[in-house]
Amino acid sequence: MKLKWLGHASFLVTAGDGARIITDPYTPGGPLTYAPIKEQADIVTVSHEHGNHNNAGAVKGKPQVVKGPCSVTAKGVDIKGVAAYHDTNKGVQRGQNTLFSITVDGVRIAHMGDLGHPLDDRTLAELGQVDILLTPVGGNYTIDGATASKLADALKAKVVIPMHFRTAGCAYPIADAEAFLKERKNVRRVDGSEVEFTRDSLPRAAETVVLKPAL
């Protein structure tokens, strides 16, 4: 299974059989200056209906779009959507947010979308086992680095990959990843946008992996 960070909260996950999943495709513009997404996919997950997360129309290949709480199997990929919120006030400020558990080649990836609050025990249990956690860390619109680190520990994720933080392509008033990384042990900075894992190659000790945006 290959995982590539396109930018912001958008990743391309490619299964061993070639099935392709894109999470939260963004619309470039304003503070978001990442290049347009031109990738092809079989499945697109959308955590919430904000333009920097829901541009499914940009993805080539007529993908199946998955939104909201659900349980879906497509192209051999199991996807579970779990309800959450974009803020600390049960969605009053910024609305709903869906957490997606995506199982590819026996590896379970949890994409947190624009999670805006700590998770309670019920939601943690609903998410279940997590091998790779994709979590926002920038704060302001989402959880911050300290909260994201506590989330990673609570989920006992084997690999944690930060997203939705300030970069050269993202000028939103959010933090960069450094405050989050100070909370973490065993940090690996990849000189590129892509990593590859199998069920057997997942680290025994929790590892935080920092990718560079591809776009």
C-alpha atoms as a PDB file:
ATOM      1  CA  MET A   1       0.000   0.000   0.000  1.00  0.00           C
ATOM      2  CA  LYS A   2       1.377   3.395  -1.035  1.00  0.00           C
ATOM      3  CA  LEU A   3       0.341   6.665   0.569  1.00  0.00           C
ATOM      4  CA  LYS A   4       1.073  10.027  -1.040  1.00  0.00           C
ATOM      5  CA  TRP A   5       0.350  13.441   0.496  1.00  0.00           C
ATOM      6  CA  LEU A   6      -1.029  15.681  -2.242  1.00  0.00           C
ATOM      7  CA  GLY A   7      -1.439  18.659   0.091  1.00  0.00           C
ATOM      8  CA  HIS A   8      -3.633  20.057   2.882  1.00  0.00           C
ATOM      9  CA  ALA A   9      -5.861  17.083   3.938  1.00  0.00           C
ATOM     10  CA  SER A  10      -5.692  15.298   0.593  1.00  0.00           C
ATOM     11  CA  PHE A  11      -3.885  11.974   0.215  1.00  0.00           C
ATOM     12  CA  LEU A  12      -3.712   9.412  -2.557  1.00  0.00           C
ATOM     13  CA  VAL A  13      -3.776   5.825  -1.290  1.00  0.00           C
ATOM     14  CA  THR A  14      -2.885   3.126  -3.798  1.00  0.00           C
ATOM     15  CA  ALA A  15      -3.601  -0.522  -3.013  1.00  0.00           C
ATOM     16  CA  GLY A  16      -1.429  -3.381  -4.169  1.00  0.00           C
ATOM     17  CA  ASP A  17      -4.004  -4.293  -6.830  1.00  0.00           C
ATOM     18  CA  GLY A  18      -4.025  -0.725  -8.173  1.00  0.00           C
ATOM     19  CA  ALA A  19      -7.217   0.545  -6.519  1.00  0.00           C
ATOM     20  CA  ARG A  20      -6.855   4.269  -5.786  1.00  0.00           C
ATOM     21  CA  ILE A  21      -8.477   6.349  -3.044  1.00  0.00           C
ATOM     22  CA  ILE A  22      -8.219  10.135  -2.669  1.00  0.00           C
ATOM     23  CA  THR A  23      -9.188  11.849   0.583  1.00  0.00           C
ATOM     24  CA  ASP A  24     -10.568  15.393   0.864  1.00  0.00           C
ATOM     25  CA  PRO A  25      -9.607  16.825  -2.549  1.00  0.00           C
ATOM     26  CA  TYR A  26      -9.193  20.584  -2.280  1.00  0.00           C
ATOM     27  CA  THR A  27     -10.009  23.517  -4.548  1.00  0.00           C
ATOM     28  CA  PRO A  28      -6.948  25.777  -4.968  1.00  0.00           C
ATOM     29  CA  GLY A  29      -7.475  29.470  -4.352  1.00  0.00           C
ATOM     30  CA  GLY A  30      -7.049  32.184  -1.766  1.00  0.00           C
ATOM     31  CA  PRO A  31      -4.700  31.057   0.999  1.00  0.00           C
ATOM     32  CA  LEU A  32      -4.450  27.566  -0.549  1.00  0.00           C
ATOM     33  CA  THR A  33      -1.945  27.686  -3.400  1.00  0.00           C
ATOM     34  CA  TYR A  34      -1.223  23.999  -3.892  1.00  0.00           C
ATOM     35  CA  ALA A  35      -1.436  22.979  -7.554  1.00  0.00           C
ATOM     36  CA  PRO A  36      -4.746  21.541  -8.815  1.00  0.00           C
ATOM     37  CA  ILE A  37      -5.368  17.845  -8.254  1.00  0.00           C
ATOM     38  CA  LYS A  38      -5.255  15.975 -11.554  1.00  0.00           C
ATOM     39  CA  GLU A  39      -4.997  12.432 -10.212  1.00  0.00           C
ATOM     40  CA  GLN A  40      -7.333   9.604 -11.135  1.00  0.00           C
ATOM     41  CA  ALA A  41      -9.083   7.547  -8.448  1.00  0.00           C
ATOM     42  CA  ASP A  42     -11.702   4.851  -7.931  1.00  0.00           C
ATOM     43  CA  ILE A  43     -12.925   6.249  -4.606  1.00  0.00           C
ATOM     44  CA  VAL A  44     -13.024   9.733  -3.069  1.00  0.00           C
ATOM     45  CA  THR A  45     -13.794  10.373   0.592  1.00  0.00           C
ATOM     46  CA  VAL A  46     -15.121  13.794   1.649  1.00  0.00           C
ATOM     47  CA  SER A  47     -15.034  14.621   5.355  1.00  0.00           C
ATOM     48  CA  HIS A  48     -17.188  17.754   5.111  1.00  0.00           C
ATOM     49  CA  GLU A  49     -18.593  20.258   2.640  1.00  0.00           C
ATOM     50  CA  HIS A  50     -15.952  22.971   2.642  1.00  0.00           C
ATOM     51  CA  GLY A  51     -14.265  23.884  -0.623  1.00  0.00           C
ATOM     52  CA  ASN A  52     -10.794  23.005   0.588  1.00  0.00           C
ATOM     53  CA  HIS A  53     -11.978  19.430   1.256  1.00  0.00           C
ATOM     54  CA  ASN A  54     -14.833  18.527  -1.117  1.00  0.00           C
ATOM     55  CA  ASN A  55     -13.612  19.072  -4.677  1.00  0.00           C
ATOM     56  CA  ALA A  56     -14.479  15.544  -5.820  1.00  0.00           C
ATOM     57  CA  GLY A  57     -15.219  16.858  -9.318  1.00  0.00           C
ATOM     58  CA  ALA A  58     -11.506  17.523  -9.839  1.00  0.00           C
ATOM     59  CA  VAL A  59     -10.640  13.838  -9.489  1.00  0.00           C
ATOM     60  CA  LYS A  60     -10.459  11.986 -12.787  1.00  0.00           C
ATOM     61  CA  GLY A  61     -11.908   8.549 -13.459  1.00  0.00           C
ATOM     62  CA  LYS A  62     -15.538   8.914 -12.285  1.00  0.00           C
ATOM     63  CA  PRO A  63     -14.799   7.806  -8.711  1.00  0.00           C
ATOM     64  CA  GLN A  64     -17.354   6.645  -6.180  1.00  0.00           C
ATOM     65  CA  VAL A  65     -17.745   9.505  -3.684  1.00  0.00           C
ATOM     66  CA  VAL A  66     -18.162   8.513  -0.033  1.00  0.00           C
ATOM     67  CA  LYS A  67     -19.522  11.007   2.497  1.00  0.00           C
ATOM     68  CA  GLY A  68     -20.947  10.950   6.013  1.00  0.00           C
ATOM     69  CA  PRO A  69     -21.358   8.099   8.509  1.00  0.00           C
ATOM     70  CA  CYS A  70     -21.399   4.872   6.519  1.00  0.00           C
ATOM     71  CA  SER A  71     -20.044   1.393   5.955  1.00  0.00           C
ATOM     72  CA  VAL A  72     -18.971   0.841   2.348  1.00  0.00           C
ATOM     73  CA  THR A  73     -16.899  -1.707   0.442  1.00  0.00           C
ATOM     74  CA  ALA A  74     -15.667  -0.702  -3.000  1.00  0.00           C
ATOM     75  CA  LYS A  75     -12.810  -2.062  -5.128  1.00  0.00           C
ATOM     76  CA  GLY A  76     -11.892  -4.355  -2.246  1.00  0.00           C
ATOM     77  CA  VAL A  77     -11.471  -1.390   0.113  1.00  0.00           C
ATOM     78  CA  ASP A  78     -13.492  -1.274   3.341  1.00  0.00           C
ATOM     79  CA  ILE A  79     -14.511   2.238   4.407  1.00  0.00           C
ATOM     80  CA  LYS A  80     -16.265   3.253   7.605  1.00  0.00           C
ATOM     81  CA  GLY A  81     -17.424   6.812   8.242  1.00  0.00           C
ATOM     82  CA  VAL A  82     -17.764   7.949  11.861  1.00  0.00           C
ATOM     83  CA  ALA A  83     -19.594  11.134  12.862  1.00  0.00           C
ATOM     84  CA  ALA A  84     -17.675  13.962  14.531  1.00  0.00           C
ATOM     85  CA  TYR A  85     -17.572  17.779  14.478  1.00  0.00           C
ATOM     86  CA  HIS A  86     -15.523  20.590  12.970  1.00  0.00           C
ATOM     87  CA  ASP A  87     -15.435  22.524  16.268  1.00  0.00           C
ATOM     88  CA  THR A  88     -15.687  22.116  20.030  1.00  0.00           C
ATOM     89  CA  ASN A  89     -19.370  23.105  20.113  1.00  0.00           C
ATOM     90  CA  LYS A  90     -20.936  20.068  18.406  1.00  0.00           C
ATOM     91  CA  GLY A  91     -20.845  21.655  14.976  1.00  0.00           C
ATOM     92  CA  VAL A  92     -22.538  24.938  15.859  1.00  0.00           C
ATOM     93  CA  GLN A  93     -19.589  26.990  14.529  1.00  0.00           C
ATOM     94  CA  ARG A  94     -18.312  24.974  11.556  1.00  0.00           C
ATOM     95  CA  GLY A  95     -20.628  22.004  11.110  1.00  0.00           C
ATOM     96  CA  GLN A  96     -20.216  18.264  10.896  1.00  0.00           C
ATOM     97  CA  ASN A  97     -17.052  16.316  10.127  1.00  0.00           C
ATOM     98  CA  THR A  98     -16.652  12.654   9.204  1.00  0.00           C
ATOM     99  CA  LEU A  99     -13.751  10.498  10.342  1.00  0.00           C
ATOM    100  CA  PHE A 100     -12.931   7.773   7.844  1.00  0.00           C
ATOM    101  CA  SER A 101     -11.441   4.372   8.619  1.00  0.00           C
ATOM    102  CA  ILE A 102     -10.073   2.973   5.342  1.00  0.00           C
ATOM    103  CA  THR A 103      -8.709  -0.575   5.219  1.00  0.00           C
ATOM    104  CA  VAL A 104      -6.311  -1.214   2.319  1.00  0.00           C
ATOM    105  CA  ASP A 105      -4.237  -4.397   1.972  1.00  0.00           C
ATOM    106  CA  GLY A 106      -4.892  -5.232   5.615  1.00  0.00           C
ATOM    107  CA  VAL A 107      -3.667  -1.807   6.804  1.00  0.00           C
ATOM    108  CA  ARG A 108      -6.222   0.407   8.535  1.00  0.00           C
ATOM    109  CA  ILE A 109      -5.860   4.133   7.846  1.00  0.00           C
ATOM    110  CA  ALA A 110      -7.823   6.701   9.872  1.00  0.00           C
ATOM    111  CA  HIS A 111      -8.331  10.100   8.201  1.00  0.00           C
ATOM    112  CA  MET A 112      -9.573  12.737  10.645  1.00  0.00           C
ATOM    113  CA  GLY A 113     -10.733  15.360   8.141  1.00  0.00           C
ATOM    114  CA  ASP A 114     -11.140  18.704   9.920  1.00  0.00           C
ATOM    115  CA  LEU A 115     -11.605  17.248  13.384  1.00  0.00           C
ATOM    116  CA  GLY A 116     -12.179  20.125  15.781  1.00  0.00           C
ATOM    117  CA  HIS A 117     -12.414  18.463  19.205  1.00  0.00           C
ATOM    118  CA  PRO A 118     -10.971  15.658  21.352  1.00  0.00           C
ATOM    119  CA  LEU A 119     -12.694  12.312  20.801  1.00  0.00           C
ATOM    120  CA  ASP A 120     -14.725  10.668  23.531  1.00  0.00           C
ATOM    121  CA  ASP A 121     -14.389   6.988  24.419  1.00  0.00           C
ATOM    122  CA  ARG A 122     -17.415   6.005  22.332  1.00  0.00           C
ATOM    123  CA  THR A 123     -15.984   7.526  19.160  1.00  0.00           C
ATOM    124  CA  LEU A 124     -12.537   6.076  19.827  1.00  0.00           C
ATOM    125  CA  ALA A 125     -14.125   2.651  20.187  1.00  0.00           C
ATOM    126  CA  GLU A 126     -16.140   3.142  17.004  1.00  0.00           C
ATOM    127  CA  LEU A 127     -12.970   3.923  15.072  1.00  0.00           C
ATOM    128  CA  GLY A 128     -11.318   0.848  16.526  1.00  0.00           C
ATOM    129  CA  GLN A 129      -7.815  -0.274  15.636  1.00  0.00           C
ATOM    130  CA  VAL A 130      -5.731   2.285  13.743  1.00  0.00           C
ATOM    131  CA  ASP A 131      -2.482   1.481  11.980  1.00  0.00           C
ATOM    132  CA  ILE A 132      -1.886   4.817  10.222  1.00  0.00           C
ATOM    133  CA  LEU A 133      -3.391   8.053  11.552  1.00  0.00           C
ATOM    134  CA  LEU A 134      -3.745  11.082   9.273  1.00  0.00           C
ATOM    135  CA  THR A 135      -4.511  13.988  11.577  1.00  0.00           C
ATOM    136  CA  PRO A 136      -4.761  17.772  11.366  1.00  0.00           C
ATOM    137  CA  VAL A 137      -2.303  19.557  13.662  1.00  0.00           C
ATOM    138  CA  GLY A 138      -2.552  23.238  12.696  1.00  0.00           C
ATOM    139  CA  GLY A 139      -5.093  24.389  15.265  1.00  0.00           C
ATOM    140  CA  ASN A 140      -7.537  27.297  14.888  1.00  0.00           C
ATOM    141  CA  TYR A 141      -9.944  25.505  12.528  1.00  0.00           C
ATOM    142  CA  THR A 142      -9.013  22.021  13.791  1.00  0.00           C
ATOM    143  CA  ILE A 143      -7.356  20.357  16.748  1.00  0.00           C
ATOM    144  CA  ASP A 144      -3.868  21.622  17.518  1.00  0.00           C
ATOM    145  CA  GLY A 145      -0.617  19.730  17.853  1.00  0.00           C
ATOM    146  CA  ALA A 146      -0.975  18.847  21.534  1.00  0.00           C
ATOM    147  CA  THR A 147      -4.512  17.514  21.062  1.00  0.00           C
ATOM    148  CA  ALA A 148      -3.461  15.601  17.949  1.00  0.00           C
ATOM    149  CA  SER A 149      -0.626  13.960  19.862  1.00  0.00           C
ATOM    150  CA  LYS A 150      -3.002  12.855  22.612  1.00  0.00           C
ATOM    151  CA  LEU A 151      -5.352  11.495  19.933  1.00  0.00           C
ATOM    152  CA  ALA A 152      -2.538   9.472  18.369  1.00  0.00           C
ATOM    153  CA  ASP A 153      -1.693   7.982  21.756  1.00  0.00           C
ATOM    154  CA  ALA A 154      -5.335   7.209  22.545  1.00  0.00           C
ATOM    155  CA  LEU A 155      -5.755   5.395  19.218  1.00  0.00           C
ATOM    156  CA  LYS A 156      -2.382   3.624  19.656  1.00  0.00           C
ATOM    157  CA  ALA A 157      -1.565   4.390  16.033  1.00  0.00           C
ATOM    158  CA  LYS A 158       1.576   2.724  14.722  1.00  0.00           C
ATOM    159  CA  VAL A 159       2.239   5.526  12.218  1.00  0.00           C
ATOM    160  CA  VAL A 160       1.113   9.143  12.601  1.00  0.00           C
ATOM    161  CA  ILE A 161       1.229  11.527   9.634  1.00  0.00           C
ATOM    162  CA  PRO A 162       0.396  15.218  10.229  1.00  0.00           C
ATOM    163  CA  MET A 163      -1.708  17.175   7.741  1.00  0.00           C
ATOM    164  CA  HIS A 164      -3.676  20.434   7.555  1.00  0.00           C
ATOM    165  CA  PHE A 165      -0.849  22.658   8.784  1.00  0.00           C
ATOM    166  CA  ARG A 166       0.815  25.795   7.440  1.00  0.00           C
ATOM    167  CA  THR A 167       3.225  25.249   4.550  1.00  0.00           C
ATOM    168  CA  ALA A 168       4.455  27.231   1.550  1.00  0.00           C
ATOM    169  CA  GLY A 169       1.226  26.188  -0.182  1.00  0.00           C
ATOM    170  CA  CYS A 170      -1.110  26.886   2.743  1.00  0.00           C
ATOM    171  CA  ALA A 171      -1.330  30.397   4.205  1.00  0.00           C
ATOM    172  CA  TYR A 172      -4.357  29.888   6.449  1.00  0.00           C
ATOM    173  CA  PRO A 173      -3.865  31.317   9.970  1.00  0.00           C
ATOM    174  CA  ILE A 174      -2.827  27.949  11.395  1.00  0.00           C
ATOM    175  CA  ALA A 175       0.395  26.622  12.892  1.00  0.00           C
ATOM    176  CA  ASP A 176       3.064  24.675  11.113  1.00  0.00           C
ATOM    177  CA  ALA A 177       3.817  21.105  12.201  1.00  0.00           C
ATOM    178  CA  GLU A 178       6.684  21.882  14.578  1.00  0.00           C
ATOM    179  CA  ALA A 179       4.649  22.258  17.786  1.00  0.00           C
ATOM    180  CA  PHE A 180       3.067  18.876  17.082  1.00  0.00           C
ATOM    181  CA  LEU A 181       6.428  17.265  16.345  1.00  0.00           C
ATOM    182  CA  LYS A 182       7.816  18.468  19.686  1.00  0.00           C
ATOM    183  CA  GLU A 183       5.121  16.322  21.317  1.00  0.00           C
ATOM    184  CA  ARG A 184       6.241  13.197  19.455  1.00  0.00           C
ATOM    185  CA  LYS A 185       9.027  10.677  19.831  1.00  0.00           C
ATOM    186  CA  ASN A 186      10.569   8.764  16.939  1.00  0.00           C
ATOM    187  CA  VAL A 187       9.994  11.375  14.194  1.00  0.00           C
ATOM    188  CA  ARG A 188      11.023  10.548  10.631  1.00  0.00           C
ATOM    189  CA  ARG A 189      11.151  13.325   8.037  1.00  0.00           C
ATOM    190  CA  VAL A 190      10.758  11.982   4.511  1.00  0.00           C
ATOM    191  CA  ASP A 191      12.409  13.858   1.652  1.00  0.00           C
ATOM    192  CA  GLY A 192       9.366  13.370  -0.540  1.00  0.00           C
ATOM    193  CA  SER A 193       5.599  13.012  -0.530  1.00  0.00           C
ATOM    194  CA  GLU A 194       5.164   9.236  -0.502  1.00  0.00           C
ATOM    195  CA  VAL A 195       5.624   6.296   1.847  1.00  0.00           C
ATOM    196  CA  GLU A 196       4.853   2.605   1.437  1.00  0.00           C
ATOM    197  CA  PHE A 197       3.707   0.114   4.068  1.00  0.00           C
ATOM    198  CA  THR A 198       2.562  -3.467   4.253  1.00  0.00           C
ATOM    199  CA  ARG A 199       0.884  -5.107   7.195  1.00  0.00           C
ATOM    200  CA  ASP A 200       4.201  -6.736   8.089  1.00  0.00           C
ATOM    201  CA  SER A 201       6.329  -3.615   7.682  1.00  0.00           C
ATOM    202  CA  LEU A 202       4.402  -1.407  10.127  1.00  0.00           C
ATOM    203  CA  PRO A 203       6.703  -0.277  12.953  1.00  0.00           C
ATOM    204  CA  ARG A 204       6.424  -1.926  16.358  1.00  0.00           C
ATOM    205  CA  ALA A 205       7.091   1.361  18.161  1.00  0.00           C
ATOM    206  CA  ALA A 206       4.904   4.322  17.217  1.00  0.00           C
ATOM    207  CA  GLU A 207       6.479   6.455  14.503  1.00  0.00           C
ATOM    208  CA  THR A 208       5.594   9.953  13.309  1.00  0.00           C
ATOM    209  CA  VAL A 209       6.254  10.457   9.601  1.00  0.00           C
ATOM    210  CA  VAL A 210       6.473  13.948   8.091  1.00  0.00           C
ATOM    211  CA  LEU A 211       5.845  14.152   4.344  1.00  0.00           C
ATOM    212  CA  LYS A 212       6.331  16.976   1.868  1.00  0.00           C
ATOM    213  CA  PRO A 213       3.245  17.952  -0.171  1.00  0.00           C
ATOM    214  CA  ALA A 214       3.388  16.613  -3.717  1.00  0.00           C
ATOM    215  CA  LEU A 215       1.531  19.555  -5.208  1.00  0.00           C
END
